């Protein structure tokens, strides 16, 4: 089994910062892309940022210059540093990983962590 455990969410004032972490555990799983998604109430889940195993980063336009994604391959962990937070960043943030397990391309999701930004 592959499990993702997220942490770091919470309540913060506008302009503040939070750092999300997602630890991936499980055997026989070769991780490729690690991503963060978010879903606000009444809206579709959207990609926030992703990072490949070679370190290539990709960001949604709405978070460019404010958020930074990084990963520690030795710890199977992906981070999302969120600075200059805005009320519109309020959402449940989900970790997502894609990789190979027994030769099959698979995708796994975390349980989500709430981020609330007050104005």
Protein backbone atom coordinates (compact mmCIF):
# COMPACT_ATOMS: atom_id res chain seq x y z
CA UNK A 1 0.00 0.00 0.00
CA UNK A 2 1.06 3.59 -0.66
CA UNK A 3 0.00 6.25 1.81
CA UNK A 4 0.29 10.03 1.74
CA UNK A 5 0.18 12.02 4.95
CA UNK A 6 -0.17 15.78 4.72
CA UNK A 7 0.49 18.34 7.41
CA UNK A 8 0.99 22.06 7.86
CA UNK A 9 -2.42 23.50 7.11
CA UNK A 10 -4.16 25.98 9.37
CA UNK A 11 -5.53 29.46 9.81
CA UNK A 12 -3.41 32.45 8.85
CA UNK A 13 -3.98 36.12 8.20
CA UNK A 14 -3.65 37.58 4.74
CA UNK A 15 -0.02 38.23 3.93
CA UNK A 16 1.14 35.39 6.13
CA UNK A 17 2.90 32.14 5.29
CA UNK A 18 2.36 28.42 5.69
CA UNK A 19 4.40 25.39 4.73
CA UNK A 20 2.65 22.19 3.74
CA UNK A 21 4.36 18.81 3.85
CA UNK A 22 3.38 15.47 2.37
CA UNK A 23 5.19 12.27 3.28
CA UNK A 24 4.78 9.29 0.98
CA UNK A 25 5.21 5.80 2.40
CA UNK A 26 4.91 2.40 0.83
CA UNK A 27 7.01 -0.21 -0.82
CA UNK A 28 7.71 -0.96 -4.46
CA UNK A 29 6.68 2.53 -5.57
CA UNK A 30 8.92 4.65 -7.77
CA UNK A 31 7.76 8.25 -7.54
CA UNK A 32 7.84 10.48 -10.59
CA UNK A 33 5.78 13.67 -10.31
CA UNK A 34 4.68 15.12 -6.98
CA UNK A 35 1.94 17.73 -6.97
CA UNK A 36 -0.25 19.92 -4.84
CA UNK A 37 -3.88 20.54 -5.76
CA UNK A 38 -6.52 22.58 -4.00
CA UNK A 39 -10.27 22.70 -3.89
CA UNK A 40 -12.24 25.66 -2.61
CA UNK A 41 -15.91 25.34 -1.64
CA UNK A 42 -18.11 25.15 -4.72
CA UNK A 43 -15.15 24.98 -7.08
CA UNK A 44 -13.35 22.27 -8.97
CA UNK A 45 -10.07 20.86 -7.76
CA UNK A 46 -7.20 22.68 -9.45
CA UNK A 47 -3.48 22.13 -9.81
CA UNK A 48 -1.40 24.48 -7.69
CA UNK A 49 2.10 23.24 -8.45
CA UNK A 50 4.01 20.15 -9.42
CA UNK A 51 7.59 18.99 -9.53
CA UNK A 52 9.14 16.12 -11.46
CA UNK A 53 11.80 13.76 -10.14
CA UNK A 54 14.34 15.79 -12.12
CA UNK A 55 13.29 18.93 -10.26
CA UNK A 56 11.32 20.69 -12.96
CA UNK A 57 8.68 22.89 -11.38
CA UNK A 58 5.34 24.08 -12.69
CA UNK A 59 2.93 26.57 -11.10
CA UNK A 60 -0.57 27.84 -11.58
CA UNK A 61 -0.55 31.48 -12.67
CA UNK A 62 -2.44 32.46 -9.53
CA UNK A 63 0.41 31.36 -7.23
CA UNK A 64 3.51 32.17 -9.28
CA UNK A 65 5.96 34.24 -7.29
CA UNK A 66 4.24 33.43 -3.98
CA UNK A 67 4.37 29.64 -3.67
CA UNK A 68 7.37 27.34 -3.99
CA UNK A 69 7.22 23.57 -4.38
CA UNK A 70 10.17 21.40 -3.42
CA UNK A 71 10.89 17.76 -2.71
CA UNK A 72 13.28 15.64 -0.70
CA UNK A 73 13.62 12.36 -2.57
CA UNK A 74 15.52 10.72 0.28
CA UNK A 75 12.55 11.35 2.56
CA UNK A 76 9.84 10.82 -0.09
CA UNK A 77 8.46 14.18 0.91
CA UNK A 78 7.08 17.11 -1.04
CA UNK A 79 6.66 20.60 0.37
CA UNK A 80 4.68 23.67 -0.56
CA UNK A 81 5.93 26.94 0.85
CA UNK A 82 3.13 29.47 0.64
CA UNK A 83 3.95 33.14 1.14
CA UNK A 84 1.91 36.33 0.77
CA UNK A 85 -1.25 34.32 1.28
CA UNK A 86 -4.55 35.78 0.13
CA UNK A 87 -8.13 34.99 1.19
CA UNK A 88 -8.67 33.43 -2.24
CA UNK A 89 -6.02 30.82 -1.38
CA UNK A 90 -8.47 29.37 1.15
CA UNK A 91 -9.09 25.75 0.19
CA UNK A 92 -8.42 22.15 1.07
CA UNK A 93 -4.97 21.32 -0.27
CA UNK A 94 -4.29 17.82 -1.54
CA UNK A 95 -1.01 16.09 -2.18
CA UNK A 96 -0.81 13.93 -5.31
CA UNK A 97 1.94 11.61 -6.47
CA UNK A 98 2.35 9.70 -9.70
CA UNK A 99 4.73 6.85 -10.23
CA UNK A 100 5.31 3.23 -11.06
CA UNK A 101 4.37 0.31 -8.87
CA UNK A 102 5.01 -3.16 -10.22
CA UNK A 103 5.39 -1.61 -13.67
CA UNK A 104 2.00 0.09 -13.57
CA UNK A 105 1.55 3.88 -13.70
CA UNK A 106 -0.47 4.83 -10.63
CA UNK A 107 -1.71 7.99 -8.94
CA UNK A 108 -2.28 8.46 -5.22
CA UNK A 109 -3.94 11.24 -3.23
CA UNK A 110 -3.58 12.47 0.31
CA UNK A 111 -6.52 13.11 2.60
CA UNK A 112 -6.26 16.89 2.30
CA UNK A 113 -5.34 19.65 4.70
CA UNK A 114 -7.38 22.81 5.24
CA UNK A 115 -5.80 26.19 4.61
CA UNK A 116 -7.84 29.21 5.67
CA UNK A 117 -6.66 32.75 5.01
CA UNK A 118 -8.50 35.50 6.83
CA UNK A 119 -8.71 39.05 5.51
